[in-house]
Amino acid sequence: MSQVTYPLGLPKELLKEVKDAAKETGLSTADVMRQAIKFGIPRVRQALSREEDFSEAAADTWEKLGPAPTVKFIKKGRYTVGHTDKQVSLKTIKELLSEFP
């Protein structure tokens, strides 16, 4: 069977889980990833193929959020900064920035 190498970025927390599973099972990190993908694909397909109507829940969520914040973009040298009229928690900022390498 031929193999293809596919670069995959992982959040640090997920990589820790993979490494912990590798240590617990005696498998390599790569083997744990392969097995997780192989066993997980049917569940992912099942979960994503459901045709449920989430419009009511989404409408309720948007109603609770209220109006969208006003964002003013300010150019500062090489950077552009977004200034909003609503407060953003430090936790939210950290979560959003963790997605970037």
PDB file of N, CA and C in Angstrom:
ATOM      1  N   MET A   1       0.841  -1.170   0.000  1.00  0.00           N
ATOM      2  CA  MET A   1       0.000   0.000   0.000  1.00  0.00           C
ATOM      3  C   MET A   1       0.894   1.244   0.000  1.00  0.00           C
ATOM      4  N   SER A   2       0.648   2.150  -0.922  1.00  0.00           N
ATOM      5  CA  SER A   2       1.445   3.371  -0.962  1.00  0.00           C
ATOM      6  C   SER A   2       0.913   4.359   0.073  1.00  0.00           C
ATOM      7  N   GLN A   3       1.789   5.231   0.528  1.00  0.00           N
ATOM      8  CA  GLN A   3       1.407   6.204   1.540  1.00  0.00           C
ATOM      9  C   GLN A   3       1.663   7.610   1.028  1.00  0.00           C
ATOM     10  N   VAL A   4       0.905   8.538   1.545  1.00  0.00           N
ATOM     11  CA  VAL A   4       1.055   9.950   1.223  1.00  0.00           C
ATOM     12  C   VAL A   4       1.311  10.684   2.525  1.00  0.00           C
ATOM     13  N   THR A   5       2.259  11.590   2.520  1.00  0.00           N
ATOM     14  CA  THR A   5       2.507  12.417   3.691  1.00  0.00           C
ATOM     15  C   THR A   5       1.664  13.673   3.568  1.00  0.00           C
ATOM     16  N   TYR A   6       0.900  13.955   4.609  1.00  0.00           N
ATOM     17  CA  TYR A   6       0.010  15.105   4.600  1.00  0.00           C
ATOM     18  C   TYR A   6       0.311  15.957   5.830  1.00  0.00           C
ATOM     19  N   PRO A   7       0.798  17.185   5.644  1.00  0.00           N
ATOM     20  CA  PRO A   7       1.089  18.035   6.800  1.00  0.00           C
ATOM     21  C   PRO A   7      -0.220  18.456   7.477  1.00  0.00           C
ATOM     22  N   LEU A   8      -0.256  18.328   8.778  1.00  0.00           N
ATOM     23  CA  LEU A   8      -1.481  18.608   9.510  1.00  0.00           C
ATOM     24  C   LEU A   8      -1.152  19.409  10.759  1.00  0.00           C
ATOM     25  N   GLY A   9      -1.691  20.605  10.841  1.00  0.00           N
ATOM     26  CA  GLY A   9      -1.509  21.419  12.036  1.00  0.00           C
ATOM     27  C   GLY A   9      -2.480  20.972  13.118  1.00  0.00           C
ATOM     28  N   LEU A  10      -1.990  20.860  14.346  1.00  0.00           N
ATOM     29  CA  LEU A  10      -2.833  20.446  15.464  1.00  0.00           C
ATOM     30  C   LEU A  10      -2.734  21.458  16.593  1.00  0.00           C
ATOM     31  N   PRO A  11      -3.845  21.706  17.273  1.00  0.00           N
ATOM     32  CA  PRO A  11      -3.748  22.507  18.495  1.00  0.00           C
ATOM     33  C   PRO A  11      -2.892  21.744  19.513  1.00  0.00           C
ATOM     34  N   LYS A  12      -2.182  22.466  20.354  1.00  0.00           N
ATOM     35  CA  LYS A  12      -1.287  21.837  21.325  1.00  0.00           C
ATOM     36  C   LYS A  12      -2.025  20.838  22.214  1.00  0.00           C
ATOM     37  N   GLU A  13      -3.260  21.168  22.606  1.00  0.00           N
ATOM     38  CA  GLU A  13      -4.028  20.287  23.498  1.00  0.00           C
ATOM     39  C   GLU A  13      -4.325  18.955  22.812  1.00  0.00           C
ATOM     40  N   LEU A  14      -4.652  18.997  21.523  1.00  0.00           N
ATOM     41  CA  LEU A  14      -4.954  17.772  20.789  1.00  0.00           C
ATOM     42  C   LEU A  14      -3.697  16.925  20.619  1.00  0.00           C
ATOM     43  N   LEU A  15      -2.581  17.567  20.325  1.00  0.00           N
ATOM     44  CA  LEU A  15      -1.328  16.833  20.196  1.00  0.00           C
ATOM     45  C   LEU A  15      -0.961  16.157  21.513  1.00  0.00           C
ATOM     46  N   LYS A  16      -1.223  16.830  22.623  1.00  0.00           N
ATOM     47  CA  LYS A  16      -0.955  16.232  23.933  1.00  0.00           C
ATOM     48  C   LYS A  16      -1.806  14.981  24.115  1.00  0.00           C
ATOM     49  N   GLU A  17      -3.077  15.050  23.729  1.00  0.00           N
ATOM     50  CA  GLU A  17      -3.950  13.874  23.831  1.00  0.00           C
ATOM     51  C   GLU A  17      -3.412  12.725  22.986  1.00  0.00           C
ATOM     52  N   VAL A  18      -2.965  13.047  21.777  1.00  0.00           N
ATOM     53  CA  VAL A  18      -2.419  12.014  20.885  1.00  0.00           C
ATOM     54  C   VAL A  18      -1.179  11.387  21.507  1.00  0.00           C
ATOM     55  N   LYS A  19      -0.283  12.208  22.031  1.00  0.00           N
ATOM     56  CA  LYS A  19       0.942  11.692  22.644  1.00  0.00           C
ATOM     57  C   LYS A  19       0.641  10.859  23.890  1.00  0.00           C
ATOM     58  N   ASP A  20      -0.344  11.312  24.684  1.00  0.00           N
ATOM     59  CA  ASP A  20      -0.738  10.545  25.867  1.00  0.00           C
ATOM     60  C   ASP A  20      -1.290   9.174  25.458  1.00  0.00           C
ATOM     61  N   ALA A  21      -2.125   9.157  24.407  1.00  0.00           N
ATOM     62  CA  ALA A  21      -2.679   7.886  23.921  1.00  0.00           C
ATOM     63  C   ALA A  21      -1.578   6.972  23.399  1.00  0.00           C
ATOM     64  N   ALA A  22      -0.587   7.546  22.739  1.00  0.00           N
ATOM     65  CA  ALA A  22       0.530   6.756  22.225  1.00  0.00           C
ATOM     66  C   ALA A  22       1.292   6.118  23.378  1.00  0.00           C
ATOM     67  N   LYS A  23       1.522   6.901  24.408  1.00  0.00           N
ATOM     68  CA  LYS A  23       2.254   6.390  25.568  1.00  0.00           C
ATOM     69  C   LYS A  23       1.458   5.269  26.250  1.00  0.00           C
ATOM     70  N   GLU A  24       0.144   5.482  26.404  1.00  0.00           N
ATOM     71  CA  GLU A  24      -0.713   4.494  27.071  1.00  0.00           C
ATOM     72  C   GLU A  24      -0.821   3.190  26.279  1.00  0.00           C
ATOM     73  N   THR A  25      -0.836   3.284  24.967  1.00  0.00           N
ATOM     74  CA  THR A  25      -1.053   2.098  24.130  1.00  0.00           C
ATOM     75  C   THR A  25       0.231   1.456  23.626  1.00  0.00           C
ATOM     76  N   GLY A  26       1.333   2.176  23.733  1.00  0.00           N
ATOM     77  CA  GLY A  26       2.589   1.649  23.214  1.00  0.00           C
ATOM     78  C   GLY A  26       2.734   1.829  21.710  1.00  0.00           C
ATOM     79  N   LEU A  27       1.816   2.570  21.103  1.00  0.00           N
ATOM     80  CA  LEU A  27       1.895   2.856  19.669  1.00  0.00           C
ATOM     81  C   LEU A  27       2.695   4.133  19.444  1.00  0.00           C
ATOM     82  N   SER A  28       3.112   4.329  18.214  1.00  0.00           N
ATOM     83  CA  SER A  28       3.774   5.593  17.878  1.00  0.00           C
ATOM     84  C   SER A  28       2.712   6.682  17.753  1.00  0.00           C
ATOM     85  N   THR A  29       3.149   7.910  17.840  1.00  0.00           N
ATOM     86  CA  THR A  29       2.235   9.043  17.670  1.00  0.00           C
ATOM     87  C   THR A  29       1.551   8.964  16.310  1.00  0.00           C
ATOM     88  N   ALA A  30       2.319   8.648  15.269  1.00  0.00           N
ATOM     89  CA  ALA A  30       1.755   8.546  13.914  1.00  0.00           C
ATOM     90  C   ALA A  30       0.706   7.437  13.837  1.00  0.00           C
ATOM     91  N   ASP A  31       0.980   6.278  14.490  1.00  0.00           N
ATOM     92  CA  ASP A  31       0.005   5.181  14.470  1.00  0.00           C
ATOM     93  C   ASP A  31      -1.282   5.560  15.189  1.00  0.00           C
ATOM     94  N   VAL A  32      -1.165   6.291  16.295  1.00  0.00           N
ATOM     95  CA  VAL A  32      -2.377   6.742  17.002  1.00  0.00           C
ATOM     96  C   VAL A  32      -3.189   7.659  16.105  1.00  0.00           C
ATOM     97  N   MET A  33      -2.512   8.569  15.406  1.00  0.00           N
ATOM     98  CA  MET A  33      -3.220   9.470  14.492  1.00  0.00           C
ATOM     99  C   MET A  33      -3.918   8.681  13.379  1.00  0.00           C
ATOM    100  N   ARG A  34      -3.206   7.704  12.806  1.00  0.00           N
ATOM    101  CA  ARG A  34      -3.802   6.892  11.740  1.00  0.00           C
ATOM    102  C   ARG A  34      -5.040   6.150  12.244  1.00  0.00           C
ATOM    103  N   GLN A  35      -4.923   5.557  13.426  1.00  0.00           N
ATOM    104  CA  GLN A  35      -6.047   4.803  13.976  1.00  0.00           C
ATOM    105  C   GLN A  35      -7.217   5.732  14.313  1.00  0.00           C
ATOM    106  N   ALA A  36      -6.903   6.894  14.858  1.00  0.00           N
ATOM    107  CA  ALA A  36      -7.959   7.847  15.201  1.00  0.00           C
ATOM    108  C   ALA A  36      -8.715   8.285  13.947  1.00  0.00           C
ATOM    109  N   ILE A  37      -7.982   8.530  12.876  1.00  0.00           N
ATOM    110  CA  ILE A  37      -8.627   8.917  11.616  1.00  0.00           C
ATOM    111  C   ILE A  37      -9.458   7.760  11.078  1.00  0.00           C
ATOM    112  N   LYS A  38      -8.872   6.554  11.077  1.00  0.00           N
ATOM    113  CA  LYS A  38      -9.578   5.392  10.531  1.00  0.00           C
ATOM    114  C   LYS A  38     -10.869   5.105  11.304  1.00  0.00           C
ATOM    115  N   PHE A  39     -10.777   5.082  12.641  1.00  0.00           N
ATOM    116  CA  PHE A  39     -11.954   4.780  13.450  1.00  0.00           C
ATOM    117  C   PHE A  39     -12.931   5.955  13.506  1.00  0.00           C
ATOM    118  N   GLY A  40     -12.421   7.166  13.350  1.00  0.00           N
ATOM    119  CA  GLY A  40     -13.267   8.346  13.490  1.00  0.00           C
ATOM    120  C   GLY A  40     -14.030   8.748  12.245  1.00  0.00           C
ATOM    121  N   ILE A  41     -13.561   8.357  11.072  1.00  0.00           N
ATOM    122  CA  ILE A  41     -14.217   8.789   9.824  1.00  0.00           C
ATOM    123  C   ILE A  41     -15.696   8.403   9.769  1.00  0.00           C
ATOM    124  N   PRO A  42     -16.075   7.167  10.103  1.00  0.00           N
ATOM    125  CA  PRO A  42     -17.511   6.840  10.067  1.00  0.00           C
ATOM    126  C   PRO A  42     -18.336   7.723  10.999  1.00  0.00           C
ATOM    127  N   ARG A  43     -17.799   8.033  12.170  1.00  0.00           N
ATOM    128  CA  ARG A  43     -18.544   8.887  13.112  1.00  0.00           C
ATOM    129  C   ARG A  43     -18.656  10.316  12.588  1.00  0.00           C
ATOM    130  N   VAL A  44     -17.589  10.794  11.956  1.00  0.00           N
ATOM    131  CA  VAL A  44     -17.617  12.145  11.389  1.00  0.00           C
ATOM    132  C   VAL A  44     -18.651  12.212  10.272  1.00  0.00           C
ATOM    133  N   ARG A  45     -18.632  11.211   9.393  1.00  0.00           N
ATOM    134  CA  ARG A  45     -19.615  11.184   8.302  1.00  0.00           C
ATOM    135  C   ARG A  45     -21.032  11.176   8.848  1.00  0.00           C
ATOM    136  N   GLN A  46     -21.261  10.344   9.861  1.00  0.00           N
ATOM    137  CA  GLN A  46     -22.609  10.249  10.434  1.00  0.00           C
ATOM    138  C   GLN A  46     -23.030  11.578  11.054  1.00  0.00           C
ATOM    139  N   ALA A  47     -22.130  12.179  11.803  1.00  0.00           N
ATOM    140  CA  ALA A  47     -22.458  13.436  12.471  1.00  0.00           C
ATOM    141  C   ALA A  47     -22.713  14.563  11.480  1.00  0.00           C
ATOM    142  N   LEU A  48     -21.929  14.606  10.395  1.00  0.00           N
ATOM    143  CA  LEU A  48     -22.058  15.705   9.441  1.00  0.00           C
ATOM    144  C   LEU A  48     -23.144  15.478   8.400  1.00  0.00           C
ATOM    145  N   SER A  49     -23.630  14.256   8.283  1.00  0.00           N
ATOM    146  CA  SER A  49     -24.648  13.992   7.271  1.00  0.00           C
ATOM    147  C   SER A  49     -26.058  14.202   7.798  1.00  0.00           C
ATOM    148  N   ARG A  50     -26.189  14.427   9.078  1.00  0.00           N
ATOM    149  CA  ARG A  50     -27.526  14.657   9.645  1.00  0.00           C
ATOM    150  C   ARG A  50     -28.108  15.945   9.089  1.00  0.00           C
ATOM    151  N   GLU A  51     -29.323  15.853   8.689  1.00  0.00           N
ATOM    152  CA  GLU A  51     -29.990  17.039   8.145  1.00  0.00           C
ATOM    153  C   GLU A  51     -30.971  17.582   9.177  1.00  0.00           C
ATOM    154  N   GLU A  52     -30.426  18.097  10.262  1.00  0.00           N
ATOM    155  CA  GLU A  52     -31.266  18.648  11.311  1.00  0.00           C
ATOM    156  C   GLU A  52     -31.435  20.140  11.088  1.00  0.00           C
ATOM    157  N   ASP A  53     -32.555  20.647  11.570  1.00  0.00           N
ATOM    158  CA  ASP A  53     -32.832  22.068  11.426  1.00  0.00           C
ATOM    159  C   ASP A  53     -32.381  22.795  12.696  1.00  0.00           C
ATOM    160  N   PHE A  54     -31.307  23.535  12.573  1.00  0.00           N
ATOM    161  CA  PHE A  54     -30.780  24.278  13.703  1.00  0.00           C
ATOM    162  C   PHE A  54     -31.170  25.755  13.631  1.00  0.00           C
ATOM    163  N   SER A  55     -32.049  26.102  12.702  1.00  0.00           N
ATOM    164  CA  SER A  55     -32.364  27.513  12.504  1.00  0.00           C
ATOM    165  C   SER A  55     -32.992  28.147  13.738  1.00  0.00           C
ATOM    166  N   GLU A  56     -33.840  27.398  14.448  1.00  0.00           N
ATOM    167  CA  GLU A  56     -34.479  27.957  15.641  1.00  0.00           C
ATOM    168  C   GLU A  56     -33.451  28.215  16.735  1.00  0.00           C
ATOM    169  N   ALA A  57     -32.554  27.253  16.942  1.00  0.00           N
ATOM    170  CA  ALA A  57     -31.501  27.423  17.946  1.00  0.00           C
ATOM    171  C   ALA A  57     -30.573  28.570  17.565  1.00  0.00           C
ATOM    172  N   ALA A  58     -30.256  28.666  16.282  1.00  0.00           N
ATOM    173  CA  ALA A  58     -29.380  29.744  15.823  1.00  0.00           C
ATOM    174  C   ALA A  58     -30.046  31.098  16.022  1.00  0.00           C
ATOM    175  N   ALA A  59     -31.325  31.188  15.703  1.00  0.00           N
ATOM    176  CA  ALA A  59     -32.047  32.447  15.868  1.00  0.00           C
ATOM    177  C   ALA A  59     -32.072  32.851  17.334  1.00  0.00           C
ATOM    178  N   ASP A  60     -32.282  31.879  18.227  1.00  0.00           N
ATOM    179  CA  ASP A  60     -32.303  32.155  19.658  1.00  0.00           C
ATOM    180  C   ASP A  60     -30.943  32.659  20.128  1.00  0.00           C
ATOM    181  N   THR A  61     -29.879  32.031  19.631  1.00  0.00           N
ATOM    182  CA  THR A  61     -28.526  32.437  20.004  1.00  0.00           C
ATOM    183  C   THR A  61     -28.236  33.857  19.541  1.00  0.00           C
ATOM    184  N   TRP A  62     -28.576  34.164  18.289  1.00  0.00           N
ATOM    185  CA  TRP A  62     -28.344  35.516  17.775  1.00  0.00           C
ATOM    186  C   TRP A  62     -29.135  36.545  18.565  1.00  0.00           C
ATOM    187  N   GLU A  63     -30.352  36.160  18.979  1.00  0.00           N
ATOM    188  CA  GLU A  63     -31.181  37.085  19.749  1.00  0.00           C
ATOM    189  C   GLU A  63     -30.516  37.403  21.085  1.00  0.00           C
ATOM    190  N   LYS A  64     -29.936  36.388  21.728  1.00  0.00           N
ATOM    191  CA  LYS A  64     -29.258  36.583  23.009  1.00  0.00           C
ATOM    192  C   LYS A  64     -28.002  37.438  22.849  1.00  0.00           C
ATOM    193  N   LEU A  65     -27.336  37.311  21.716  1.00  0.00           N
ATOM    194  CA  LEU A  65     -26.111  38.077  21.493  1.00  0.00           C
ATOM    195  C   LEU A  65     -26.373  39.562  21.308  1.00  0.00           C
ATOM    196  N   GLY A  66     -27.535  39.886  20.792  1.00  0.00           N
ATOM    197  CA  GLY A  66     -27.848  41.284  20.565  1.00  0.00           C
ATOM    198  C   GLY A  66     -27.219  41.794  19.280  1.00  0.00           C
ATOM    199  N   PRO A  67     -27.228  43.110  19.094  1.00  0.00           N
ATOM    200  CA  PRO A  67     -26.690  43.670  17.845  1.00  0.00           C
ATOM    201  C   PRO A  67     -25.184  43.450  17.722  1.00  0.00           C
ATOM    202  N   ALA A  68     -24.746  43.359  16.490  1.00  0.00           N
ATOM    203  CA  ALA A  68     -23.317  43.167  16.224  1.00  0.00           C
ATOM    204  C   ALA A  68     -22.550  44.398  16.664  1.00  0.00           C
ATOM    205  N   PRO A  69     -21.330  44.214  17.149  1.00  0.00           N
ATOM    206  CA  PRO A  69     -20.529  45.369  17.569  1.00  0.00           C
ATOM    207  C   PRO A  69     -20.079  46.189  16.370  1.00  0.00           C
ATOM    208  N   THR A  70     -19.849  47.455  16.617  1.00  0.00           N
ATOM    209  CA  THR A  70     -19.275  48.323  15.604  1.00  0.00           C
ATOM    210  C   THR A  70     -17.761  48.178  15.684  1.00  0.00           C
ATOM    211  N   VAL A  71     -17.131  47.910  14.562  1.00  0.00           N
ATOM    212  CA  VAL A  71     -15.684  47.746  14.545  1.00  0.00           C
ATOM    213  C   VAL A  71     -15.080  48.801  13.629  1.00  0.00           C
ATOM    214  N   LYS A  72     -14.110  49.522  14.169  1.00  0.00           N
ATOM    215  CA  LYS A  72     -13.405  50.538  13.394  1.00  0.00           C
ATOM    216  C   LYS A  72     -11.982  50.026  13.207  1.00  0.00           C
ATOM    217  N   PHE A  73     -11.516  49.931  11.970  1.00  0.00           N
ATOM    218  CA  PHE A  73     -10.175  49.442  11.684  1.00  0.00           C
ATOM    219  C   PHE A  73      -9.227  50.628  11.569  1.00  0.00           C
ATOM    220  N   ILE A  74      -8.154  50.554  12.346  1.00  0.00           N
ATOM    221  CA  ILE A  74      -7.184  51.644  12.406  1.00  0.00           C
ATOM    222  C   ILE A  74      -5.823  51.113  11.940  1.00  0.00           C
ATOM    223  N   LYS A  75      -5.233  51.766  10.958  1.00  0.00           N
ATOM    224  CA  LYS A  75      -3.921  51.383  10.433  1.00  0.00           C
ATOM    225  C   LYS A  75      -2.853  51.988  11.327  1.00  0.00           C
ATOM    226  N   LYS A  76      -1.979  51.104  11.874  1.00  0.00           N
ATOM    227  CA  LYS A  76      -0.883  51.564  12.731  1.00  0.00           C
ATOM    228  C   LYS A  76       0.408  50.968  12.199  1.00  0.00           C
ATOM    229  N   GLY A  77       1.107  51.721  11.390  1.00  0.00           N
ATOM    230  CA  GLY A  77       2.344  51.229  10.786  1.00  0.00           C
ATOM    231  C   GLY A  77       2.052  50.044   9.883  1.00  0.00           C
ATOM    232  N   ARG A  78       2.686  48.897  10.182  1.00  0.00           N
ATOM    233  CA  ARG A  78       2.489  47.698   9.363  1.00  0.00           C
ATOM    234  C   ARG A  78       1.252  46.915   9.787  1.00  0.00           C
ATOM    235  N   TYR A  79       0.612  47.334  10.864  1.00  0.00           N
ATOM    236  CA  TYR A  79      -0.499  46.566  11.418  1.00  0.00           C
ATOM    237  C   TYR A  79      -1.819  47.301  11.284  1.00  0.00           C
ATOM    238  N   THR A  80      -2.878  46.530  11.227  1.00  0.00           N
ATOM    239  CA  THR A  80      -4.218  47.087  11.274  1.00  0.00           C
ATOM    240  C   THR A  80      -4.874  46.583  12.548  1.00  0.00           C
ATOM    241  N   VAL A  81      -5.437  47.499  13.322  1.00  0.00           N
ATOM    242  CA  VAL A  81      -6.035  47.158  14.600  1.00  0.00           C
ATOM    243  C   VAL A  81      -7.537  47.377  14.500  1.00  0.00           C
ATOM    244  N   GLY A  82      -8.292  46.412  15.008  1.00  0.00           N
ATOM    245  CA  GLY A  82      -9.744  46.558  15.052  1.00  0.00           C
ATOM    246  C   GLY A  82     -10.153  47.078  16.412  1.00  0.00           C
ATOM    247  N   HIS A  83     -10.890  48.169  16.442  1.00  0.00           N
ATOM    248  CA  HIS A  83     -11.380  48.749  17.693  1.00  0.00           C
ATOM    249  C   HIS A  83     -12.890  48.585  17.725  1.00  0.00           C
ATOM    250  N   THR A  84     -13.395  47.964  18.801  1.00  0.00           N
ATOM    251  CA  THR A  84     -14.827  47.708  18.896  1.00  0.00           C
ATOM    252  C   THR A  84     -15.441  48.446  20.069  1.00  0.00           C
ATOM    253  N   ASP A  85     -16.739  48.669  19.984  1.00  0.00           N
ATOM    254  CA  ASP A  85     -17.446  49.344  21.062  1.00  0.00           C
ATOM    255  C   ASP A  85     -17.901  48.359  22.146  1.00  0.00           C
ATOM    256  N   LYS A  86     -17.652  47.066  21.946  1.00  0.00           N
ATOM    257  CA  LYS A  86     -18.019  46.058  22.942  1.00  0.00           C
ATOM    258  C   LYS A  86     -16.768  45.436  23.534  1.00  0.00           C
ATOM    259  N   GLN A  87     -16.853  45.058  24.803  1.00  0.00           N
ATOM    260  CA  GLN A  87     -15.723  44.456  25.490  1.00  0.00           C
ATOM    261  C   GLN A  87     -15.524  43.010  25.013  1.00  0.00           C
ATOM    262  N   VAL A  88     -14.265  42.615  24.836  1.00  0.00           N
ATOM    263  CA  VAL A  88     -13.905  41.260  24.450  1.00  0.00           C
ATOM    264  C   VAL A  88     -13.055  40.686  25.568  1.00  0.00           C
ATOM    265  N   SER A  89     -13.415  39.488  26.036  1.00  0.00           N
ATOM    266  CA  SER A  89     -12.681  38.905  27.158  1.00  0.00           C
ATOM    267  C   SER A  89     -11.289  38.465  26.727  1.00  0.00           C
ATOM    268  N   LEU A  90     -10.370  38.485  27.664  1.00  0.00           N
ATOM    269  CA  LEU A  90      -8.996  38.057  27.412  1.00  0.00           C
ATOM    270  C   LEU A  90      -8.986  36.577  27.024  1.00  0.00           C
ATOM    271  N   LYS A  91      -9.867  35.786  27.632  1.00  0.00           N
ATOM    272  CA  LYS A  91      -9.962  34.356  27.314  1.00  0.00           C
ATOM    273  C   LYS A  91     -10.310  34.164  25.837  1.00  0.00           C
ATOM    274  N   THR A  92     -11.270  34.935  25.336  1.00  0.00           N
ATOM    275  CA  THR A  92     -11.668  34.844  23.933  1.00  0.00           C
ATOM    276  C   THR A  92     -10.510  35.214  23.013  1.00  0.00           C
ATOM    277  N   ILE A  93      -9.794  36.255  23.354  1.00  0.00           N
ATOM    278  CA  ILE A  93      -8.652  36.692  22.544  1.00  0.00           C
ATOM    279  C   ILE A  93      -7.594  35.585  22.487  1.00  0.00           C
ATOM    280  N   LYS A  94      -7.298  34.975  23.644  1.00  0.00           N
ATOM    281  CA  LYS A  94      -6.301  33.905  23.692  1.00  0.00           C
ATOM    282  C   LYS A  94      -6.749  32.710  22.858  1.00  0.00           C
ATOM    283  N   GLU A  95      -8.042  32.354  22.938  1.00  0.00           N
ATOM    284  CA  GLU A  95      -8.558  31.228  22.153  1.00  0.00           C
ATOM    285  C   GLU A  95      -8.408  31.497  20.661  1.00  0.00           C
ATOM    286  N   LEU A  96      -8.742  32.700  20.228  1.00  0.00           N
ATOM    287  CA  LEU A  96      -8.649  33.046  18.818  1.00  0.00           C
ATOM    288  C   LEU A  96      -7.203  33.059  18.338  1.00  0.00           C
ATOM    289  N   LEU A  97      -6.293  33.597  19.161  1.00  0.00           N
ATOM    290  CA  LEU A  97      -4.892  33.656  18.762  1.00  0.00           C
ATOM    291  C   LEU A  97      -4.223  32.290  18.788  1.00  0.00           C
ATOM    292  N   SER A  98      -4.754  31.340  19.569  1.00  0.00           N
ATOM    293  CA  SER A  98      -4.152  30.009  19.643  1.00  0.00           C
ATOM    294  C   SER A  98      -4.286  29.255  18.330  1.00  0.00           C
ATOM    295  N   GLU A  99      -5.181  29.704  17.465  1.00  0.00           N
ATOM    296  CA  GLU A  99      -5.365  29.050  16.168  1.00  0.00           C
ATOM    297  C   GLU A  99      -4.253  29.401  15.185  1.00  0.00           C
ATOM    298  N   PHE A 100      -3.456  30.402  15.506  1.00  0.00           N
ATOM    299  CA  PHE A 100      -2.373  30.829  14.617  1.00  0.00           C
ATOM    300  C   PHE A 100      -1.059  30.249  15.100  1.00  0.00           C
ATOM    301  N   PRO A 101      -0.191  29.854  14.167  1.00  0.00           N
ATOM    302  CA  PRO A 101       1.101  29.280  14.571  1.00  0.00           C
ATOM    303  C   PRO A 101       2.007  30.286  15.232  1.00  0.00           C
TER     304      PRO A 101
END
